[in-house]
Each structure stands twice: as C-alpha cells, then as structure tokens.
C-alpha atoms as a PDB file:
ATOM      1  CA  UNK A   1       3.363   0.687  13.640  1.00  0.00           C
ATOM      2  CA  UNK A   2       6.519   1.156  11.499  1.00  0.00           C
ATOM      3  CA  UNK A   3       8.692   0.033  14.066  1.00  0.00           C
ATOM      4  CA  UNK A   4       6.603  -3.202  14.725  1.00  0.00           C
ATOM      5  CA  UNK A   5       7.096  -3.638  10.678  1.00  0.00           C
ATOM      6  CA  UNK A   6      10.710  -3.736  11.038  1.00  0.00           C
ATOM      7  CA  UNK A   7      10.842  -5.818  14.149  1.00  0.00           C
ATOM      8  CA  UNK A   8       8.458  -8.517  12.164  1.00  0.00           C
ATOM      9  CA  UNK A   9      10.584  -8.217   8.909  1.00  0.00           C
ATOM     10  CA  UNK A  10      13.523  -9.341  11.183  1.00  0.00           C
ATOM     11  CA  UNK A  11      12.410 -12.070  12.970  1.00  0.00           C
ATOM     12  CA  UNK A  12      10.866 -13.257   9.286  1.00  0.00           C
ATOM     13  CA  UNK A  13      14.240 -12.865   7.614  1.00  0.00           C
ATOM     14  CA  UNK A  14      15.379 -15.756   9.852  1.00  0.00           C
ATOM     15  CA  UNK A  15      12.732 -18.334   8.607  1.00  0.00           C
ATOM     16  CA  UNK A  16      11.804 -16.874   5.078  1.00  0.00           C
ATOM     17  CA  UNK A  17      14.397 -16.906   2.269  1.00  0.00           C
ATOM     18  CA  UNK A  18      14.694 -15.462  -1.341  1.00  0.00           C
ATOM     19  CA  UNK A  19      12.373 -12.279   0.123  1.00  0.00           C
ATOM     20  CA  UNK A  20      13.504  -9.161  -1.298  1.00  0.00           C
ATOM     21  CA  UNK A  21      12.400  -7.132   2.017  1.00  0.00           C
ATOM     22  CA  UNK A  22      10.521  -3.406   1.110  1.00  0.00           C
ATOM     23  CA  UNK A  23      12.625  -0.915   3.531  1.00  0.00           C
ATOM     24  CA  UNK A  24      11.332   1.218   6.466  1.00  0.00           C
ATOM     25  CA  UNK A  25      11.367   4.713   3.744  1.00  0.00           C
ATOM     26  CA  UNK A  26       9.450   2.726   1.024  1.00  0.00           C
ATOM     27  CA  UNK A  27       6.555   1.898   2.828  1.00  0.00           C
ATOM     28  CA  UNK A  28       3.296   2.828   1.745  1.00  0.00           C
ATOM     29  CA  UNK A  29      -0.109   1.413   0.248  1.00  0.00           C
ATOM     30  CA  UNK A  30      -1.065   1.744  -3.172  1.00  0.00           C
ATOM     31  CA  UNK A  31      -5.068   3.289  -3.355  1.00  0.00           C
ATOM     32  CA  UNK A  32      -4.714   3.115  -7.396  1.00  0.00           C
ATOM     33  CA  UNK A  33      -2.029   2.116  -9.592  1.00  0.00           C
ATOM     34  CA  UNK A  34      -1.747   4.248 -12.566  1.00  0.00           C
ATOM     35  CA  UNK A  35       1.061   2.540 -14.515  1.00  0.00           C
ATOM     36  CA  UNK A  36       2.890   5.037 -16.930  1.00  0.00           C
ATOM     37  CA  UNK A  37       1.456   8.342 -17.071  1.00  0.00           C
ATOM     38  CA  UNK A  38       2.782  11.212 -19.478  1.00  0.00           C
ATOM     39  CA  UNK A  39       4.141  14.707 -17.632  1.00  0.00           C
ATOM     40  CA  UNK A  40       1.753  16.484 -19.071  1.00  0.00           C
ATOM     41  CA  UNK A  41      -1.520  14.510 -17.572  1.00  0.00           C
ATOM     42  CA  UNK A  42       0.502  14.808 -13.913  1.00  0.00           C
ATOM     43  CA  UNK A  43      -1.350  18.472 -13.736  1.00  0.00           C
ATOM     44  CA  UNK A  44      -5.209  17.129 -14.501  1.00  0.00           C
ATOM     45  CA  UNK A  45      -4.653  13.792 -12.225  1.00  0.00           C
ATOM     46  CA  UNK A  46      -3.677  16.734  -9.175  1.00  0.00           C
ATOM     47  CA  UNK A  47      -5.938  19.023  -9.675  1.00  0.00           C
ATOM     48  CA  UNK A  48      -9.276  15.989  -9.974  1.00  0.00           C
ATOM     49  CA  UNK A  49      -7.547  14.326  -6.767  1.00  0.00           C
ATOM     50  CA  UNK A  50      -7.603  17.887  -4.904  1.00  0.00           C
ATOM     51  CA  UNK A  51     -11.191  18.390  -5.650  1.00  0.00           C
ATOM     52  CA  UNK A  52     -12.500  14.749  -4.967  1.00  0.00           C
ATOM     53  CA  UNK A  53     -10.481  14.521  -1.906  1.00  0.00           C
ATOM     54  CA  UNK A  54     -11.078  18.256  -0.304  1.00  0.00           C
ATOM     55  CA  UNK A  55     -13.921  16.738   1.721  1.00  0.00           C
ATOM     56  CA  UNK A  56     -11.801  13.515   3.356  1.00  0.00           C
ATOM     57  CA  UNK A  57     -10.600  13.725   6.656  1.00  0.00           C
ATOM     58  CA  UNK A  58      -7.937  12.663   8.401  1.00  0.00           C
ATOM     59  CA  UNK A  59      -8.179   8.787   9.742  1.00  0.00           C
ATOM     60  CA  UNK A  60      -6.777   6.529  11.667  1.00  0.00           C
ATOM     61  CA  UNK A  61      -5.412   2.984   9.981  1.00  0.00           C
ATOM     62  CA  UNK A  62      -4.480   0.012  11.459  1.00  0.00           C
ATOM     63  CA  UNK A  63      -2.510  -3.011  10.475  1.00  0.00           C
ATOM     64  CA  UNK A  64      -3.178  -6.226  11.512  1.00  0.00           C
ATOM     65  CA  UNK A  65      -2.231  -9.881  10.391  1.00  0.00           C
ATOM     66  CA  UNK A  66       0.188 -11.170   7.542  1.00  0.00           C
ATOM     67  CA  UNK A  67      -0.522 -12.846   4.378  1.00  0.00           C
ATOM     68  CA  UNK A  68       0.608 -13.128   0.610  1.00  0.00           C
ATOM     69  CA  UNK A  69      -0.405 -12.786  -2.842  1.00  0.00           C
ATOM     70  CA  UNK A  70      -1.529 -14.633  -5.379  1.00  0.00           C
ATOM     71  CA  UNK A  71      -2.001 -17.441  -2.605  1.00  0.00           C
ATOM     72  CA  UNK A  72       0.257 -19.964  -0.371  1.00  0.00           C
ATOM     73  CA  UNK A  73       1.628 -22.075  -3.187  1.00  0.00           C
ATOM     74  CA  UNK A  74       2.672 -19.550  -5.253  1.00  0.00           C
ATOM     75  CA  UNK A  75       3.223 -16.453  -3.218  1.00  0.00           C
ATOM     76  CA  UNK A  76       4.900 -13.794  -4.899  1.00  0.00           C
ATOM     77  CA  UNK A  77       3.986 -10.725  -2.263  1.00  0.00           C
ATOM     78  CA  UNK A  78       3.848 -10.685   1.633  1.00  0.00           C
ATOM     79  CA  UNK A  79       1.749  -8.308   3.042  1.00  0.00           C
ATOM     80  CA  UNK A  80      -0.221  -6.560   6.120  1.00  0.00           C
ATOM     81  CA  UNK A  81      -3.594  -6.298   6.337  1.00  0.00           C
ATOM     82  CA  UNK A  82      -4.668  -2.631   6.398  1.00  0.00           C
ATOM     83  CA  UNK A  83      -8.006  -1.338   8.133  1.00  0.00           C
ATOM     84  CA  UNK A  84      -9.185   1.718   8.918  1.00  0.00           C
ATOM     85  CA  UNK A  85     -13.413   3.576   8.742  1.00  0.00           C
ATOM     86  CA  UNK A  86     -12.098   5.979   5.759  1.00  0.00           C
ATOM     87  CA  UNK A  87     -10.049   3.615   3.847  1.00  0.00           C
ATOM     88  CA  UNK A  88     -13.073   2.459   1.264  1.00  0.00           C
ATOM     89  CA  UNK A  89     -14.157   5.504   1.088  1.00  0.00           C
ATOM     90  CA  UNK A  90     -10.670   7.332  -0.205  1.00  0.00           C
ATOM     91  CA  UNK A  91     -10.154   4.484  -2.063  1.00  0.00           C
ATOM     92  CA  UNK A  92     -13.743   5.102  -3.763  1.00  0.00           C
ATOM     93  CA  UNK A  93     -12.847   8.645  -4.304  1.00  0.00           C
ATOM     94  CA  UNK A  94      -9.954   7.960  -5.917  1.00  0.00           C
ATOM     95  CA  UNK A  95     -11.270   5.147  -8.373  1.00  0.00           C
ATOM     96  CA  UNK A  96     -14.260   8.494  -9.334  1.00  0.00           C
ATOM     97  CA  UNK A  97     -11.492  11.315  -9.719  1.00  0.00           C
ATOM     98  CA  UNK A  98      -9.511   9.450 -12.149  1.00  0.00           C
ATOM     99  CA  UNK A  99     -12.092   7.593 -14.341  1.00  0.00           C
ATOM    100  CA  UNK A 100     -12.958  10.794 -16.207  1.00  0.00           C
ATOM    101  CA  UNK A 101      -8.952  11.127 -17.328  1.00  0.00           C
ATOM    102  CA  UNK A 102      -9.088   7.347 -18.766  1.00  0.00           C
ATOM    103  CA  UNK A 103      -8.360   5.477 -15.903  1.00  0.00           C
ATOM    104  CA  UNK A 104     -10.510   2.465 -15.859  1.00  0.00           C
ATOM    105  CA  UNK A 105     -12.055   0.941 -12.334  1.00  0.00           C
ATOM    106  CA  UNK A 106      -9.794  -1.515 -10.882  1.00  0.00           C
ATOM    107  CA  UNK A 107     -12.340  -4.706 -11.443  1.00  0.00           C
ATOM    108  CA  UNK A 108     -10.819  -6.545  -8.555  1.00  0.00           C
ATOM    109  CA  UNK A 109     -11.741  -5.883  -4.992  1.00  0.00           C
ATOM    110  CA  UNK A 110     -10.049  -3.032  -3.436  1.00  0.00           C
ATOM    111  CA  UNK A 111      -7.782  -5.033  -0.896  1.00  0.00           C
ATOM    112  CA  UNK A 112      -6.057  -2.771   1.405  1.00  0.00           C
ATOM    113  CA  UNK A 113      -2.424  -3.947   2.441  1.00  0.00           C
ATOM    114  CA  UNK A 114       0.706  -2.490   3.154  1.00  0.00           C
ATOM    115  CA  UNK A 115       3.446  -5.273   0.796  1.00  0.00           C
ATOM    116  CA  UNK A 116       6.600  -5.827   2.971  1.00  0.00           C
ATOM    117  CA  UNK A 117       8.177  -8.149   1.205  1.00  0.00           C
ATOM    118  CA  UNK A 118       8.309  -9.659  -2.700  1.00  0.00           C
ATOM    119  CA  UNK A 119       9.658 -13.033  -3.535  1.00  0.00           C
ATOM    120  CA  UNK A 120      12.615 -12.895  -6.344  1.00  0.00           C
ATOM    121  CA  UNK A 121      11.448 -16.657  -7.386  1.00  0.00           C
ATOM    122  CA  UNK A 122       8.438 -17.485  -6.111  1.00  0.00           C
ATOM    123  CA  UNK A 123       8.426 -21.234  -5.076  1.00  0.00           C
ATOM    124  CA  UNK A 124       9.425 -21.814  -1.297  1.00  0.00           C
ATOM    125  CA  UNK A 125       7.788 -24.548   0.075  1.00  0.00           C
ATOM    126  CA  UNK A 126       4.338 -23.774   1.076  1.00  0.00           C
ATOM    127  CA  UNK A 127       4.000 -25.467   4.438  1.00  0.00           C
ATOM    128  CA  UNK A 128       7.646 -24.109   5.806  1.00  0.00           C
ATOM    129  CA  UNK A 129       5.595 -20.353   4.438  1.00  0.00           C
ATOM    130  CA  UNK A 130       2.619 -21.364   5.886  1.00  0.00           C
ATOM    131  CA  UNK A 131       4.604 -21.801   9.350  1.00  0.00           C
ATOM    132  CA  UNK A 132       6.075 -18.611   9.339  1.00  0.00           C
ATOM    133  CA  UNK A 133       2.898 -16.842   8.537  1.00  0.00           C
ATOM    134  CA  UNK A 134       0.359 -18.564  10.894  1.00  0.00           C
ATOM    135  CA  UNK A 135       2.303 -17.011  13.980  1.00  0.00           C
ATOM    136  CA  UNK A 136       1.897 -13.248  12.743  1.00  0.00           C
ATOM    137  CA  UNK A 137      -2.121 -13.805  11.121  1.00  0.00           C
ATOM    138  CA  UNK A 138      -3.732 -11.975  13.672  1.00  0.00           C
ATOM    139  CA  UNK A 139      -0.691  -9.933  14.929  1.00  0.00           C
ATOM    140  CA  UNK A 140      -1.365  -6.202  15.747  1.00  0.00           C
ATOM    141  CA  UNK A 141       0.786  -4.347  14.348  1.00  0.00           C
ATOM    142  CA  UNK A 142      -0.911  -0.552  15.745  1.00  0.00           C
ATOM    143  CA  UNK A 143      -1.932   2.824  13.971  1.00  0.00           C
ATOM    144  CA  UNK A 144      -0.892   5.325  12.146  1.00  0.00           C
ATOM    145  CA  UNK A 145      -2.716   8.513  10.991  1.00  0.00           C
ATOM    146  CA  UNK A 146      -3.457   8.993   7.490  1.00  0.00           C
ATOM    147  CA  UNK A 147      -3.269  12.972   6.695  1.00  0.00           C
ATOM    148  CA  UNK A 148      -2.157  12.822   2.758  1.00  0.00           C
ATOM    149  CA  UNK A 149      -2.304  11.080  -0.766  1.00  0.00           C
ATOM    150  CA  UNK A 150       0.888  11.129  -2.249  1.00  0.00           C
ATOM    151  CA  UNK A 151       1.380  10.845  -6.477  1.00  0.00           C
ATOM    152  CA  UNK A 152       4.255   8.717  -6.862  1.00  0.00           C
ATOM    153  CA  UNK A 153       6.504   7.994  -9.414  1.00  0.00           C
ATOM    154  CA  UNK A 154       7.806   4.480  -9.032  1.00  0.00           C
ATOM    155  CA  UNK A 155      11.434   3.592 -11.113  1.00  0.00           C
ATOM    156  CA  UNK A 156      12.683  -0.167 -11.412  1.00  0.00           C
ATOM    157  CA  UNK A 157      15.418  -1.220 -10.547  1.00  0.00           C
ATOM    158  CA  UNK A 158      17.585  -4.543  -9.802  1.00  0.00           C
ATOM    159  CA  UNK A 159      17.270  -3.555  -6.500  1.00  0.00           C
ATOM    160  CA  UNK A 160      14.114  -2.743  -5.900  1.00  0.00           C
ATOM    161  CA  UNK A 161      11.765   0.580  -6.949  1.00  0.00           C
ATOM    162  CA  UNK A 162      12.733   3.926  -6.175  1.00  0.00           C
ATOM    163  CA  UNK A 163       9.443   6.160  -5.302  1.00  0.00           C
ATOM    164  CA  UNK A 164      10.042   9.708  -5.944  1.00  0.00           C
ATOM    165  CA  UNK A 165       6.855  12.136  -4.930  1.00  0.00           C
ATOM    166  CA  UNK A 166       4.831  14.030  -7.830  1.00  0.00           C
ATOM    167  CA  UNK A 167       2.123  15.780  -5.561  1.00  0.00           C
ATOM    168  CA  UNK A 168       0.958  15.806  -2.293  1.00  0.00           C
ATOM    169  CA  UNK A 169      -2.708  16.064  -1.612  1.00  0.00           C
ATOM    170  CA  UNK A 170      -3.281  16.865   2.476  1.00  0.00           C
ATOM    171  CA  UNK A 171      -6.621  15.654   3.966  1.00  0.00           C
ATOM    172  CA  UNK A 172      -8.924  17.704   6.280  1.00  0.00           C
ATOM    173  CA  UNK A 173      -7.791  17.895   9.602  1.00  0.00           C
ATOM    174  CA  UNK A 174     -10.268  17.419  12.129  1.00  0.00           C
ATOM    175  CA  UNK A 175     -11.130  21.525  12.561  1.00  0.00           C
ATOM    176  CA  UNK A 176     -10.365  22.625   8.951  1.00  0.00           C
ATOM    177  CA  UNK A 177     -13.591  23.938   7.136  1.00  0.00           C
ATOM    178  CA  UNK A 178     -14.372  22.400   3.604  1.00  0.00           C
END
C-alpha cells in the first residue's frame, strides 16, 4: 500500500501545486486527536486504551480513492479513503476509553482517511483539482495489516509535523487468547 501511495503522490506532484506532501515515514491515520496533553496524563491514557483494546483483533485495512477536505473549492487536505471491517469498532473503543479521562467524543462522524498532502495556501483552481483527483477516485491502493495503536506526540514545524511515539498497544493476533 505504501509503495502505491508514493507512486500516486509522485504523479500528482506533476499536476497539483502548492501541496506539502506527507513523507512516507509520517503516513498514519488518526483515530482520535487529543490536542495538548500533560505528561502526567500519558500513563492513564495508555492504561485506558490498553484495557479497551485488549479484545480487539488485528485486521486488514484497505485504501481506496482520493478526496479532499473540506471541499473541492476550499481544499486544505488531500486524502486516501480507508476501509476495514474492524476500523469503526477500533475508533469507537478509543472514544469510549478516553471519554472518562476528559476527552470529549468527536461530534463529526468518523471519516477514516490517510492524509497524503496539505495545501500551504488553499485556493487551487477547483477544476484543475477535480481533474487531478477524479482519475484516482476509485483507485485501489491495496491492503495493510493493522496490528497496533500508537499514541503519538506531534510537534509542528515549518517543514511539517514531527511525530514521536509515546506508547504502543498491540492488537490481538489470530491465535492470541483474551
């Protein structure tokens, strides 16, 4: 999947300008954005997630199609859609586990996606963007296995975000017991 994403990014770079592309090692999908978190809250977060995700099994995740947020006229984020039988359950378990710790539930519907680029200055001509993305709207990026949930710290820099793992929770493999 990563190789196909890189190939499509390279092709899109030729026709879409003004985008800061997400580099391969920073590709990830967000289950829940927590915002600024104090260091003393990391251990309770990891404990809550560990308990909630203990019964969740590894699952296959597929990438299909390209789109933009918030819309074609004011595009800020270029993304690949994500599909997977366990994806919505995983997101719901994370929401449920973190709510008692003071993290409000997301008001918007969960829209699983993988950000592959962000516009530095929104306002690219919508027709040009539509042409650039229509070609890939049904493209199958392949499958990846979801085996863990990682709590990341992100630090925003002018060149893009730097992600550092703070904690990892492994999902159950096929033969693991609860």
